[in-house]
Amino acid sequence: MSALAKASGALKSVDYEVFGRVQGVCFRMYTEEEARKLGVVGWVKNTSQGTVTGQVQGPEDKVNAIWKQEGLQGCTGLNYKHGKSWLSKVGSPSSRIDRTSFSNEKEISKLDFSGFSTRY
């Protein structure tokens, strides 16, 4: 088990798809940066349907902070507990998130990734 997993207890994995103006606006780069700041792993990529999709894994509290209105502090200094949830409401400055679909939420025994990357 990784040090990340030992320090935080249960690990979680969730898939996501973001709809709106999310391509051509540095959304993937922003997502990578936010994931690294938050301390989660996974991937992000553009789809041919004009959306952005991916998977995020990490300690349950950190994964929950991505899509639930609870948890950790983001790069802008806003507290997500009383503000916006990353990936469901907050994206790159030029993006517009209309909606985000989360699926395949599950507890995992180990991380499948060692970092967060953009897939092509």
PDB file of N, CA and C in Angstrom:
ATOM      1  N   MET A   1       0.844  -1.173   0.000  1.00  0.00           N
ATOM      2  CA  MET A   1       0.000   0.000   0.000  1.00  0.00           C
ATOM      3  C   MET A   1       0.895   1.243   0.000  1.00  0.00           C
ATOM      4  N   SER A   2       0.523   2.219  -0.747  1.00  0.00           N
ATOM      5  CA  SER A   2       1.318   3.443  -0.854  1.00  0.00           C
ATOM      6  C   SER A   2       1.223   4.279   0.417  1.00  0.00           C
ATOM      7  N   ALA A   3       2.162   5.195   0.579  1.00  0.00           N
ATOM      8  CA  ALA A   3       2.142   6.102   1.724  1.00  0.00           C
ATOM      9  C   ALA A   3       0.869   6.943   1.714  1.00  0.00           C
ATOM     10  N   LEU A   4       0.403   7.321   0.510  1.00  0.00           N
ATOM     11  CA  LEU A   4      -0.832   8.094   0.361  1.00  0.00           C
ATOM     12  C   LEU A   4      -2.003   7.318   0.951  1.00  0.00           C
ATOM     13  N   ALA A   5      -2.077   6.035   0.629  1.00  0.00           N
ATOM     14  CA  ALA A   5      -3.173   5.210   1.107  1.00  0.00           C
ATOM     15  C   ALA A   5      -3.087   4.993   2.615  1.00  0.00           C
ATOM     16  N   LYS A   6      -1.897   4.722   3.132  1.00  0.00           N
ATOM     17  CA  LYS A   6      -1.721   4.482   4.563  1.00  0.00           C
ATOM     18  C   LYS A   6      -2.107   5.705   5.380  1.00  0.00           C
ATOM     19  N   ALA A   7      -1.754   6.877   4.892  1.00  0.00           N
ATOM     20  CA  ALA A   7      -1.999   8.110   5.639  1.00  0.00           C
ATOM     21  C   ALA A   7      -3.480   8.455   5.695  1.00  0.00           C
ATOM     22  N   SER A   8      -4.253   8.059   4.710  1.00  0.00           N
ATOM     23  CA  SER A   8      -5.623   8.548   4.612  1.00  0.00           C
ATOM     24  C   SER A   8      -6.702   7.486   4.746  1.00  0.00           C
ATOM     25  N   GLY A   9      -6.343   6.226   4.924  1.00  0.00           N
ATOM     26  CA  GLY A   9      -7.361   5.194   5.072  1.00  0.00           C
ATOM     27  C   GLY A   9      -7.889   4.703   3.747  1.00  0.00           C
ATOM     28  N   ALA A  10      -9.213   4.631   3.629  1.00  0.00           N
ATOM     29  CA  ALA A  10      -9.871   4.054   2.460  1.00  0.00           C
ATOM     30  C   ALA A  10      -9.531   4.796   1.178  1.00  0.00           C
ATOM     31  N   LEU A  11      -9.372   4.020   0.115  1.00  0.00           N
ATOM     32  CA  LEU A  11      -9.129   4.588  -1.209  1.00  0.00           C
ATOM     33  C   LEU A  11     -10.398   4.478  -2.033  1.00  0.00           C
ATOM     34  N   LYS A  12     -10.585   5.453  -2.916  1.00  0.00           N
ATOM     35  CA  LYS A  12     -11.787   5.512  -3.739  1.00  0.00           C
ATOM     36  C   LYS A  12     -11.401   5.803  -5.179  1.00  0.00           C
ATOM     37  N   SER A  13     -12.215   5.328  -6.102  1.00  0.00           N
ATOM     38  CA  SER A  13     -12.049   5.599  -7.526  1.00  0.00           C
ATOM     39  C   SER A  13     -13.395   6.061  -8.073  1.00  0.00           C
ATOM     40  N   VAL A  14     -13.365   7.045  -8.968  1.00  0.00           N
ATOM     41  CA  VAL A  14     -14.589   7.512  -9.609  1.00  0.00           C
ATOM     42  C   VAL A  14     -14.260   7.980 -11.027  1.00  0.00           C
ATOM     43  N   ASP A  15     -15.136   7.672 -11.961  1.00  0.00           N
ATOM     44  CA  ASP A  15     -15.021   8.132 -13.344  1.00  0.00           C
ATOM     45  C   ASP A  15     -15.851   9.400 -13.493  1.00  0.00           C
ATOM     46  N   TYR A  16     -15.458  10.257 -14.439  1.00  0.00           N
ATOM     47  CA  TYR A  16     -16.194  11.502 -14.643  1.00  0.00           C
ATOM     48  C   TYR A  16     -16.230  11.874 -16.120  1.00  0.00           C
ATOM     49  N   GLU A  17     -17.255  12.643 -16.487  1.00  0.00           N
ATOM     50  CA  GLU A  17     -17.353  13.248 -17.819  1.00  0.00           C
ATOM     51  C   GLU A  17     -17.900  14.650 -17.616  1.00  0.00           C
ATOM     52  N   VAL A  18     -17.192  15.633 -18.178  1.00  0.00           N
ATOM     53  CA  VAL A  18     -17.548  17.035 -18.001  1.00  0.00           C
ATOM     54  C   VAL A  18     -18.091  17.583 -19.316  1.00  0.00           C
ATOM     55  N   PHE A  19     -19.266  18.206 -19.265  1.00  0.00           N
ATOM     56  CA  PHE A  19     -19.949  18.749 -20.431  1.00  0.00           C
ATOM     57  C   PHE A  19     -19.938  20.273 -20.366  1.00  0.00           C
ATOM     58  N   GLY A  20     -19.856  20.910 -21.514  1.00  0.00           N
ATOM     59  CA  GLY A  20     -19.852  22.365 -21.590  1.00  0.00           C
ATOM     60  C   GLY A  20     -18.734  22.840 -22.503  1.00  0.00           C
ATOM     61  N   ARG A  21     -18.239  24.021 -22.231  1.00  0.00           N
ATOM     62  CA  ARG A  21     -17.093  24.545 -23.005  1.00  0.00           C
ATOM     63  C   ARG A  21     -15.823  24.113 -22.280  1.00  0.00           C
ATOM     64  N   VAL A  22     -15.366  22.894 -22.612  1.00  0.00           N
ATOM     65  CA  VAL A  22     -14.252  22.292 -21.883  1.00  0.00           C
ATOM     66  C   VAL A  22     -13.104  21.848 -22.792  1.00  0.00           C
ATOM     67  N   GLN A  23     -13.228  22.082 -24.073  1.00  0.00           N
ATOM     68  CA  GLN A  23     -12.131  21.770 -24.988  1.00  0.00           C
ATOM     69  C   GLN A  23     -11.609  23.060 -25.595  1.00  0.00           C
ATOM     70  N   GLY A  24     -10.288  23.133 -25.752  1.00  0.00           N
ATOM     71  CA  GLY A  24      -9.668  24.328 -26.311  1.00  0.00           C
ATOM     72  C   GLY A  24      -9.563  25.476 -25.321  1.00  0.00           C
ATOM     73  N   VAL A  25      -9.725  25.186 -24.034  1.00  0.00           N
ATOM     74  CA  VAL A  25      -9.686  26.225 -22.992  1.00  0.00           C
ATOM     75  C   VAL A  25      -8.767  25.823 -21.832  1.00  0.00           C
ATOM     76  N   CYS A  26      -7.795  24.956 -22.105  1.00  0.00           N
ATOM     77  CA  CYS A  26      -6.813  24.487 -21.104  1.00  0.00           C
ATOM     78  C   CYS A  26      -7.451  23.716 -19.954  1.00  0.00           C
ATOM     79  N   PHE A  27      -8.605  23.106 -20.190  1.00  0.00           N
ATOM     80  CA  PHE A  27      -9.304  22.389 -19.138  1.00  0.00           C
ATOM     81  C   PHE A  27      -8.519  21.180 -18.652  1.00  0.00           C
ATOM     82  N   ARG A  28      -7.931  20.407 -19.569  1.00  0.00           N
ATOM     83  CA  ARG A  28      -7.160  19.225 -19.167  1.00  0.00           C
ATOM     84  C   ARG A  28      -5.937  19.624 -18.336  1.00  0.00           C
ATOM     85  N   MET A  29      -5.248  20.665 -18.773  1.00  0.00           N
ATOM     86  CA  MET A  29      -4.072  21.134 -18.048  1.00  0.00           C
ATOM     87  C   MET A  29      -4.479  21.607 -16.637  1.00  0.00           C
ATOM     88  N   TYR A  30      -5.572  22.333 -16.543  1.00  0.00           N
ATOM     89  CA  TYR A  30      -6.081  22.804 -15.260  1.00  0.00           C
ATOM     90  C   TYR A  30      -6.436  21.610 -14.362  1.00  0.00           C
ATOM     91  N   THR A  31      -7.081  20.609 -14.944  1.00  0.00           N
ATOM     92  CA  THR A  31      -7.483  19.422 -14.194  1.00  0.00           C
ATOM     93  C   THR A  31      -6.264  18.695 -13.635  1.00  0.00           C
ATOM     94  N   GLU A  32      -5.231  18.527 -14.464  1.00  0.00           N
ATOM     95  CA  GLU A  32      -3.988  17.906 -14.000  1.00  0.00           C
ATOM     96  C   GLU A  32      -3.391  18.666 -12.826  1.00  0.00           C
ATOM     97  N   GLU A  33      -3.316  19.966 -12.961  1.00  0.00           N
ATOM     98  CA  GLU A  33      -2.728  20.816 -11.916  1.00  0.00           C
ATOM     99  C   GLU A  33      -3.520  20.712 -10.612  1.00  0.00           C
ATOM    100  N   GLU A  34      -4.835  20.784 -10.705  1.00  0.00           N
ATOM    101  CA  GLU A  34      -5.673  20.688  -9.511  1.00  0.00           C
ATOM    102  C   GLU A  34      -5.550  19.316  -8.850  1.00  0.00           C
ATOM    103  N   ALA A  35      -5.497  18.274  -9.662  1.00  0.00           N
ATOM    104  CA  ALA A  35      -5.364  16.915  -9.124  1.00  0.00           C
ATOM    105  C   ALA A  35      -4.061  16.766  -8.350  1.00  0.00           C
ATOM    106  N   ARG A  36      -2.997  17.298  -8.898  1.00  0.00           N
ATOM    107  CA  ARG A  36      -1.700  17.219  -8.216  1.00  0.00           C
ATOM    108  C   ARG A  36      -1.718  18.013  -6.911  1.00  0.00           C
ATOM    109  N   LYS A  37      -2.324  19.189  -6.935  1.00  0.00           N
ATOM    110  CA  LYS A  37      -2.422  19.997  -5.708  1.00  0.00           C
ATOM    111  C   LYS A  37      -3.226  19.275  -4.636  1.00  0.00           C
ATOM    112  N   LEU A  38      -4.276  18.617  -5.059  1.00  0.00           N
ATOM    113  CA  LEU A  38      -5.151  17.924  -4.128  1.00  0.00           C
ATOM    114  C   LEU A  38      -4.544  16.612  -3.645  1.00  0.00           C
ATOM    115  N   GLY A  39      -3.647  16.025  -4.439  1.00  0.00           N
ATOM    116  CA  GLY A  39      -3.007  14.775  -4.049  1.00  0.00           C
ATOM    117  C   GLY A  39      -3.764  13.541  -4.475  1.00  0.00           C
ATOM    118  N   VAL A  40      -4.407  13.617  -5.647  1.00  0.00           N
ATOM    119  CA  VAL A  40      -5.086  12.452  -6.205  1.00  0.00           C
ATOM    120  C   VAL A  40      -4.396  12.051  -7.508  1.00  0.00           C
ATOM    121  N   VAL A  41      -4.672  10.830  -7.971  1.00  0.00           N
ATOM    122  CA  VAL A  41      -4.067  10.314  -9.194  1.00  0.00           C
ATOM    123  C   VAL A  41      -5.156   9.956 -10.191  1.00  0.00           C
ATOM    124  N   GLY A  42      -4.769   9.744 -11.455  1.00  0.00           N
ATOM    125  CA  GLY A  42      -5.725   9.353 -12.482  1.00  0.00           C
ATOM    126  C   GLY A  42      -5.355   9.922 -13.823  1.00  0.00           C
ATOM    127  N   TRP A  43      -6.379  10.243 -14.618  1.00  0.00           N
ATOM    128  CA  TRP A  43      -6.140  10.744 -15.962  1.00  0.00           C
ATOM    129  C   TRP A  43      -7.318  11.583 -16.439  1.00  0.00           C
ATOM    130  N   VAL A  44      -7.068  12.314 -17.531  1.00  0.00           N
ATOM    131  CA  VAL A  44      -8.067  13.174 -18.161  1.00  0.00           C
ATOM    132  C   VAL A  44      -7.829  13.149 -19.660  1.00  0.00           C
ATOM    133  N   LYS A  45      -8.889  13.234 -20.469  1.00  0.00           N
ATOM    134  CA  LYS A  45      -8.726  13.326 -21.923  1.00  0.00           C
ATOM    135  C   LYS A  45      -9.955  13.944 -22.573  1.00  0.00           C
ATOM    136  N   ASN A  46      -9.737  14.521 -23.749  1.00  0.00           N
ATOM    137  CA  ASN A  46     -10.834  15.029 -24.571  1.00  0.00           C
ATOM    138  C   ASN A  46     -11.513  13.854 -25.248  1.00  0.00           C
ATOM    139  N   THR A  47     -12.813  13.993 -25.512  1.00  0.00           N
ATOM    140  CA  THR A  47     -13.535  12.985 -26.280  1.00  0.00           C
ATOM    141  C   THR A  47     -13.935  13.567 -27.634  1.00  0.00           C
ATOM    142  N   SER A  48     -14.314  12.704 -28.540  1.00  0.00           N
ATOM    143  CA  SER A  48     -14.758  13.159 -29.861  1.00  0.00           C
ATOM    144  C   SER A  48     -16.138  13.819 -29.788  1.00  0.00           C
ATOM    145  N   GLN A  49     -16.833  13.688 -28.655  1.00  0.00           N
ATOM    146  CA  GLN A  49     -18.149  14.313 -28.465  1.00  0.00           C
ATOM    147  C   GLN A  49     -18.043  15.724 -27.901  1.00  0.00           C
ATOM    148  N   GLY A  50     -16.811  16.229 -27.696  1.00  0.00           N
ATOM    149  CA  GLY A  50     -16.638  17.583 -27.188  1.00  0.00           C
ATOM    150  C   GLY A  50     -16.640  17.692 -25.675  1.00  0.00           C
ATOM    151  N   THR A  51     -16.581  16.549 -24.994  1.00  0.00           N
ATOM    152  CA  THR A  51     -16.534  16.541 -23.536  1.00  0.00           C
ATOM    153  C   THR A  51     -15.115  16.212 -23.076  1.00  0.00           C
ATOM    154  N   VAL A  52     -14.930  16.232 -21.776  1.00  0.00           N
ATOM    155  CA  VAL A  52     -13.683  15.783 -21.167  1.00  0.00           C
ATOM    156  C   VAL A  52     -14.046  14.649 -20.224  1.00  0.00           C
ATOM    157  N   THR A  53     -13.287  13.559 -20.282  1.00  0.00           N
ATOM    158  CA  THR A  53     -13.564  12.405 -19.445  1.00  0.00           C
ATOM    159  C   THR A  53     -12.301  11.978 -18.715  1.00  0.00           C
ATOM    160  N   GLY A  54     -12.473  11.180 -17.679  1.00  0.00           N
ATOM    161  CA  GLY A  54     -11.316  10.690 -16.963  1.00  0.00           C
ATOM    162  C   GLY A  54     -11.686   9.869 -15.755  1.00  0.00           C
ATOM    163  N   GLN A  55     -10.651   9.591 -14.974  1.00  0.00           N
ATOM    164  CA  GLN A  55     -10.823   8.829 -13.744  1.00  0.00           C
ATOM    165  C   GLN A  55      -9.926   9.445 -12.676  1.00  0.00           C
ATOM    166  N   VAL A  56     -10.418   9.478 -11.461  1.00  0.00           N
ATOM    167  CA  VAL A  56      -9.627   9.984 -10.354  1.00  0.00           C
ATOM    168  C   VAL A  56      -9.652   8.952  -9.231  1.00  0.00           C
ATOM    169  N   GLN A  57      -8.486   8.782  -8.585  1.00  0.00           N
ATOM    170  CA  GLN A  57      -8.348   7.845  -7.485  1.00  0.00           C
ATOM    171  C   GLN A  57      -7.551   8.497  -6.368  1.00  0.00           C
ATOM    172  N   GLY A  58      -7.834   8.072  -5.164  1.00  0.00           N
ATOM    173  CA  GLY A  58      -7.080   8.576  -4.027  1.00  0.00           C
ATOM    174  C   GLY A  58      -7.822   8.332  -2.737  1.00  0.00           C
ATOM    175  N   PRO A  59      -7.346   8.939  -1.659  1.00  0.00           N
ATOM    176  CA  PRO A  59      -8.043   8.827  -0.384  1.00  0.00           C
ATOM    177  C   PRO A  59      -9.484   9.323  -0.518  1.00  0.00           C
ATOM    178  N   GLU A  60     -10.386   8.641   0.135  1.00  0.00           N
ATOM    179  CA  GLU A  60     -11.812   8.937  -0.011  1.00  0.00           C
ATOM    180  C   GLU A  60     -12.154  10.400   0.215  1.00  0.00           C
ATOM    181  N   ASP A  61     -11.585  11.030   1.236  1.00  0.00           N
ATOM    182  CA  ASP A  61     -11.925  12.426   1.519  1.00  0.00           C
ATOM    183  C   ASP A  61     -11.475  13.350   0.400  1.00  0.00           C
ATOM    184  N   LYS A  62     -10.336  13.055  -0.201  1.00  0.00           N
ATOM    185  CA  LYS A  62      -9.841  13.900  -1.291  1.00  0.00           C
ATOM    186  C   LYS A  62     -10.631  13.690  -2.572  1.00  0.00           C
ATOM    187  N   VAL A  63     -11.000  12.461  -2.869  1.00  0.00           N
ATOM    188  CA  VAL A  63     -11.822  12.190  -4.053  1.00  0.00           C
ATOM    189  C   VAL A  63     -13.191  12.831  -3.880  1.00  0.00           C
ATOM    190  N   ASN A  64     -13.758  12.748  -2.692  1.00  0.00           N
ATOM    191  CA  ASN A  64     -15.056  13.378  -2.430  1.00  0.00           C
ATOM    192  C   ASN A  64     -15.001  14.888  -2.615  1.00  0.00           C
ATOM    193  N   ALA A  65     -13.863  15.502  -2.300  1.00  0.00           N
ATOM    194  CA  ALA A  65     -13.710  16.958  -2.427  1.00  0.00           C
ATOM    195  C   ALA A  65     -13.820  17.404  -3.879  1.00  0.00           C
ATOM    196  N   ILE A  66     -13.585  16.493  -4.805  1.00  0.00           N
ATOM    197  CA  ILE A  66     -13.640  16.818  -6.230  1.00  0.00           C
ATOM    198  C   ILE A  66     -15.068  17.041  -6.683  1.00  0.00           C
ATOM    199  N   TRP A  67     -15.988  16.291  -6.154  1.00  0.00           N
ATOM    200  CA  TRP A  67     -17.327  16.342  -6.712  1.00  0.00           C
ATOM    201  C   TRP A  67     -18.437  16.562  -5.690  1.00  0.00           C
ATOM    202  N   LYS A  68     -18.116  16.525  -4.442  1.00  0.00           N
ATOM    203  CA  LYS A  68     -19.118  16.846  -3.428  1.00  0.00           C
ATOM    204  C   LYS A  68     -18.753  18.182  -2.820  1.00  0.00           C
ATOM    205  N   GLN A  69     -19.699  18.885  -2.299  1.00  0.00           N
ATOM    206  CA  GLN A  69     -19.411  20.190  -1.705  1.00  0.00           C
ATOM    207  C   GLN A  69     -18.970  20.006  -0.261  1.00  0.00           C
ATOM    208  N   GLU A  70     -17.791  19.450  -0.125  1.00  0.00           N
ATOM    209  CA  GLU A  70     -17.186  19.268   1.188  1.00  0.00           C
ATOM    210  C   GLU A  70     -15.694  19.144   0.990  1.00  0.00           C
ATOM    211  N   GLY A  71     -14.943  19.237   2.025  1.00  0.00           N
ATOM    212  CA  GLY A  71     -13.547  18.890   1.922  1.00  0.00           C
ATOM    213  C   GLY A  71     -12.585  20.043   1.843  1.00  0.00           C
ATOM    214  N   LEU A  72     -11.679  19.970   0.924  1.00  0.00           N
ATOM    215  CA  LEU A  72     -10.390  20.628   0.970  1.00  0.00           C
ATOM    216  C   LEU A  72     -10.337  21.990   0.319  1.00  0.00           C
ATOM    217  N   GLN A  73      -9.200  22.620   0.422  1.00  0.00           N
ATOM    218  CA  GLN A  73      -8.997  23.957  -0.121  1.00  0.00           C
ATOM    219  C   GLN A  73      -8.406  23.864  -1.518  1.00  0.00           C
ATOM    220  N   GLY A  74      -8.855  24.699  -2.429  1.00  0.00           N
ATOM    221  CA  GLY A  74      -8.359  24.706  -3.798  1.00  0.00           C
ATOM    222  C   GLY A  74      -7.331  25.779  -4.042  1.00  0.00           C
ATOM    223  N   CYS A  75      -6.872  25.865  -5.280  1.00  0.00           N
ATOM    224  CA  CYS A  75      -5.769  26.764  -5.613  1.00  0.00           C
ATOM    225  C   CYS A  75      -6.156  28.232  -5.500  1.00  0.00           C
ATOM    226  N   THR A  76      -7.429  28.545  -5.566  1.00  0.00           N
ATOM    227  CA  THR A  76      -7.840  29.949  -5.490  1.00  0.00           C
ATOM    228  C   THR A  76      -7.990  30.413  -4.051  1.00  0.00           C
ATOM    229  N   GLY A  77      -7.826  29.493  -3.117  1.00  0.00           N
ATOM    230  CA  GLY A  77      -7.964  29.851  -1.715  1.00  0.00           C
ATOM    231  C   GLY A  77      -9.404  29.770  -1.237  1.00  0.00           C
ATOM    232  N   LEU A  78     -10.337  29.375  -2.089  1.00  0.00           N
ATOM    233  CA  LEU A  78     -11.722  29.217  -1.666  1.00  0.00           C
ATOM    234  C   LEU A  78     -11.861  27.900  -0.924  1.00  0.00           C
ATOM    235  N   ASN A  79     -12.621  27.878   0.115  1.00  0.00           N
ATOM    236  CA  ASN A  79     -12.866  26.650   0.836  1.00  0.00           C
ATOM    237  C   ASN A  79     -13.997  25.900   0.128  1.00  0.00           C
ATOM    238  N   TYR A  80     -13.706  24.717  -0.349  1.00  0.00           N
ATOM    239  CA  TYR A  80     -14.699  23.948  -1.095  1.00  0.00           C
ATOM    240  C   TYR A  80     -15.892  23.552  -0.229  1.00  0.00           C
ATOM    241  N   LYS A  81     -15.732  23.555   1.076  1.00  0.00           N
ATOM    242  CA  LYS A  81     -16.832  23.179   1.956  1.00  0.00           C
ATOM    243  C   LYS A  81     -18.005  24.137   1.796  1.00  0.00           C
ATOM    244  N   HIS A  82     -17.714  25.388   1.565  1.00  0.00           N
ATOM    245  CA  HIS A  82     -18.786  26.384   1.431  1.00  0.00           C
ATOM    246  C   HIS A  82     -18.816  26.983   0.037  1.00  0.00           C
ATOM    247  N   GLY A  83     -18.063  26.426  -0.877  1.00  0.00           N
ATOM    248  CA  GLY A  83     -17.965  27.001  -2.203  1.00  0.00           C
ATOM    249  C   GLY A  83     -18.282  26.010  -3.287  1.00  0.00           C
ATOM    250  N   LYS A  84     -17.463  26.013  -4.291  1.00  0.00           N
ATOM    251  CA  LYS A  84     -17.717  25.214  -5.472  1.00  0.00           C
ATOM    252  C   LYS A  84     -16.879  23.949  -5.465  1.00  0.00           C
ATOM    253  N   SER A  85     -17.392  22.911  -6.072  1.00  0.00           N
ATOM    254  CA  SER A  85     -16.677  21.646  -6.162  1.00  0.00           C
ATOM    255  C   SER A  85     -15.909  21.583  -7.477  1.00  0.00           C
ATOM    256  N   TRP A  86     -14.640  21.277  -7.366  1.00  0.00           N
ATOM    257  CA  TRP A  86     -13.793  21.126  -8.543  1.00  0.00           C
ATOM    258  C   TRP A  86     -14.358  20.026  -9.425  1.00  0.00           C
ATOM    259  N   LEU A  87     -14.280  20.181 -10.717  1.00  0.00           N
ATOM    260  CA  LEU A  87     -14.788  19.312 -11.779  1.00  0.00           C
ATOM    261  C   LEU A  87     -16.289  19.405 -11.963  1.00  0.00           C
ATOM    262  N   SER A  88     -17.056  19.690 -10.937  1.00  0.00           N
ATOM    263  CA  SER A  88     -18.492  19.827 -11.168  1.00  0.00           C
ATOM    264  C   SER A  88     -18.909  21.279 -11.345  1.00  0.00           C
ATOM    265  N   LYS A  89     -18.094  22.219 -10.829  1.00  0.00           N
ATOM    266  CA  LYS A  89     -18.436  23.629 -10.986  1.00  0.00           C
ATOM    267  C   LYS A  89     -17.249  24.509 -11.322  1.00  0.00           C
ATOM    268  N   VAL A  90     -16.022  24.048 -11.060  1.00  0.00           N
ATOM    269  CA  VAL A  90     -14.843  24.881 -11.241  1.00  0.00           C
ATOM    270  C   VAL A  90     -13.922  24.266 -12.285  1.00  0.00           C
ATOM    271  N   GLY A  91     -13.590  25.041 -13.310  1.00  0.00           N
ATOM    272  CA  GLY A  91     -12.665  24.583 -14.340  1.00  0.00           C
ATOM    273  C   GLY A  91     -11.671  25.675 -14.663  1.00  0.00           C
ATOM    274  N   SER A  92     -10.987  25.519 -15.771  1.00  0.00           N
ATOM    275  CA  SER A  92     -10.032  26.540 -16.191  1.00  0.00           C
ATOM    276  C   SER A  92     -10.764  27.871 -16.377  1.00  0.00           C
ATOM    277  N   PRO A  93     -10.044  28.990 -16.293  1.00  0.00           N
ATOM    278  CA  PRO A  93     -10.701  30.307 -16.346  1.00  0.00           C
ATOM    279  C   PRO A  93     -11.602  30.538 -17.555  1.00  0.00           C
ATOM    280  N   SER A  94     -11.264  30.000 -18.722  1.00  0.00           N
ATOM    281  CA  SER A  94     -12.079  30.227 -19.922  1.00  0.00           C
ATOM    282  C   SER A  94     -13.146  29.158 -20.146  1.00  0.00           C
ATOM    283  N   SER A  95     -13.185  28.159 -19.278  1.00  0.00           N
ATOM    284  CA  SER A  95     -14.143  27.073 -19.476  1.00  0.00           C
ATOM    285  C   SER A  95     -15.521  27.439 -18.930  1.00  0.00           C
ATOM    286  N   ARG A  96     -16.506  26.625 -19.326  1.00  0.00           N
ATOM    287  CA  ARG A  96     -17.862  26.719 -18.785  1.00  0.00           C
ATOM    288  C   ARG A  96     -18.355  25.299 -18.567  1.00  0.00           C
ATOM    289  N   ILE A  97     -18.611  24.944 -17.348  1.00  0.00           N
ATOM    290  CA  ILE A  97     -19.101  23.602 -17.049  1.00  0.00           C
ATOM    291  C   ILE A  97     -20.621  23.649 -16.975  1.00  0.00           C
ATOM    292  N   ASP A  98     -21.266  22.928 -17.896  1.00  0.00           N
ATOM    293  CA  ASP A  98     -22.728  22.848 -17.880  1.00  0.00           C
ATOM    294  C   ASP A  98     -23.197  21.777 -16.903  1.00  0.00           C
ATOM    295  N   ARG A  99     -22.527  20.634 -16.939  1.00  0.00           N
ATOM    296  CA  ARG A  99     -22.835  19.557 -15.996  1.00  0.00           C
ATOM    297  C   ARG A  99     -21.694  18.560 -16.000  1.00  0.00           C
ATOM    298  N   THR A 100     -21.625  17.773 -14.950  1.00  0.00           N
ATOM    299  CA  THR A 100     -20.623  16.725 -14.839  1.00  0.00           C
ATOM    300  C   THR A 100     -21.317  15.453 -14.409  1.00  0.00           C
ATOM    301  N   SER A 101     -20.971  14.373 -15.082  1.00  0.00           N
ATOM    302  CA  SER A 101     -21.511  13.062 -14.761  1.00  0.00           C
ATOM    303  C   SER A 101     -20.430  12.253 -14.057  1.00  0.00           C
ATOM    304  N   PHE A 102     -20.735  11.728 -12.868  1.00  0.00           N
ATOM    305  CA  PHE A 102     -19.823  10.870 -12.125  1.00  0.00           C
ATOM    306  C   PHE A 102     -20.402   9.465 -12.106  1.00  0.00           C
ATOM    307  N   SER A 103     -19.547   8.476 -12.314  1.00  0.00           N
ATOM    308  CA  SER A 103     -20.020   7.095 -12.362  1.00  0.00           C
ATOM    309  C   SER A 103     -18.942   6.143 -11.843  1.00  0.00           C
ATOM    310  N   ASN A 104     -19.345   4.913 -11.668  1.00  0.00           N
ATOM    311  CA  ASN A 104     -18.428   3.846 -11.292  1.00  0.00           C
ATOM    312  C   ASN A 104     -17.678   4.165  -9.994  1.00  0.00           C
ATOM    313  N   GLU A 105     -18.348   4.818  -9.064  1.00  0.00           N
ATOM    314  CA  GLU A 105     -17.729   5.130  -7.778  1.00  0.00           C
ATOM    315  C   GLU A 105     -17.549   3.836  -6.997  1.00  0.00           C
ATOM    316  N   LYS A 106     -16.321   3.601  -6.522  1.00  0.00           N
ATOM    317  CA  LYS A 106     -16.076   2.362  -5.778  1.00  0.00           C
ATOM    318  C   LYS A 106     -14.862   2.512  -4.870  1.00  0.00           C
ATOM    319  N   GLU A 107     -14.845   1.697  -3.830  1.00  0.00           N
ATOM    320  CA  GLU A 107     -13.673   1.613  -2.970  1.00  0.00           C
ATOM    321  C   GLU A 107     -12.675   0.683  -3.646  1.00  0.00           C
ATOM    322  N   ILE A 108     -11.401   1.037  -3.584  1.00  0.00           N
ATOM    323  CA  ILE A 108     -10.353   0.222  -4.199  1.00  0.00           C
ATOM    324  C   ILE A 108      -9.304  -0.123  -3.143  1.00  0.00           C
ATOM    325  N   SER A 109      -8.571  -1.209  -3.387  1.00  0.00           N
ATOM    326  CA  SER A 109      -7.561  -1.643  -2.420  1.00  0.00           C
ATOM    327  C   SER A 109      -6.202  -1.023  -2.685  1.00  0.00           C
ATOM    328  N   LYS A 110      -5.973  -0.583  -3.941  1.00  0.00           N
ATOM    329  CA  LYS A 110      -4.708   0.063  -4.275  1.00  0.00           C
ATOM    330  C   LYS A 110      -4.920   1.012  -5.446  1.00  0.00           C
ATOM    331  N   LEU A 111      -4.031   1.980  -5.568  1.00  0.00           N
ATOM    332  CA  LEU A 111      -4.095   2.942  -6.670  1.00  0.00           C
ATOM    333  C   LEU A 111      -3.602   2.291  -7.954  1.00  0.00           C
ATOM    334  N   ASP A 112      -4.276   2.569  -9.053  1.00  0.00           N
ATOM    335  CA  ASP A 112      -3.868   2.049 -10.357  1.00  0.00           C
ATOM    336  C   ASP A 112      -2.879   2.965 -11.065  1.00  0.00           C
ATOM    337  N   PHE A 113      -2.685   4.171 -10.554  1.00  0.00           N
ATOM    338  CA  PHE A 113      -1.835   5.165 -11.198  1.00  0.00           C
ATOM    339  C   PHE A 113      -0.857   5.728 -10.181  1.00  0.00           C
ATOM    340  N   SER A 114       0.270   6.231 -10.673  1.00  0.00           N
ATOM    341  CA  SER A 114       1.260   6.831  -9.757  1.00  0.00           C
ATOM    342  C   SER A 114       1.208   8.357  -9.809  1.00  0.00           C
ATOM    343  N   GLY A 115       0.476   8.915 -10.729  1.00  0.00           N
ATOM    344  CA  GLY A 115       0.347  10.355 -10.864  1.00  0.00           C
ATOM    345  C   GLY A 115      -0.933  10.682 -11.606  1.00  0.00           C
ATOM    346  N   PHE A 116      -1.033  11.919 -12.064  1.00  0.00           N
ATOM    347  CA  PHE A 116      -2.204  12.337 -12.843  1.00  0.00           C
ATOM    348  C   PHE A 116      -1.713  12.819 -14.201  1.00  0.00           C
ATOM    349  N   SER A 117      -2.299  12.298 -15.284  1.00  0.00           N
ATOM    350  CA  SER A 117      -1.781  12.606 -16.619  1.00  0.00           C
ATOM    351  C   SER A 117      -2.910  12.876 -17.615  1.00  0.00           C
ATOM    352  N   THR A 118      -2.534  13.514 -18.702  1.00  0.00           N
ATOM    353  CA  THR A 118      -3.438  13.719 -19.830  1.00  0.00           C
ATOM    354  C   THR A 118      -3.250  12.561 -20.798  1.00  0.00           C
ATOM    355  N   ARG A 119      -4.348  11.997 -21.234  1.00  0.00           N
ATOM    356  CA  ARG A 119      -4.323  10.935 -22.253  1.00  0.00           C
ATOM    357  C   ARG A 119      -4.772  11.540 -23.578  1.00  0.00           C
ATOM    358  N   TYR A 120      -4.263  10.966 -24.658  1.00  0.00           N
ATOM    359  CA  TYR A 120      -4.602  11.453 -26.004  1.00  0.00           C
ATOM    360  C   TYR A 120      -5.243  10.368 -26.816  1.00  0.00           C
TER     361      TYR A 120
END
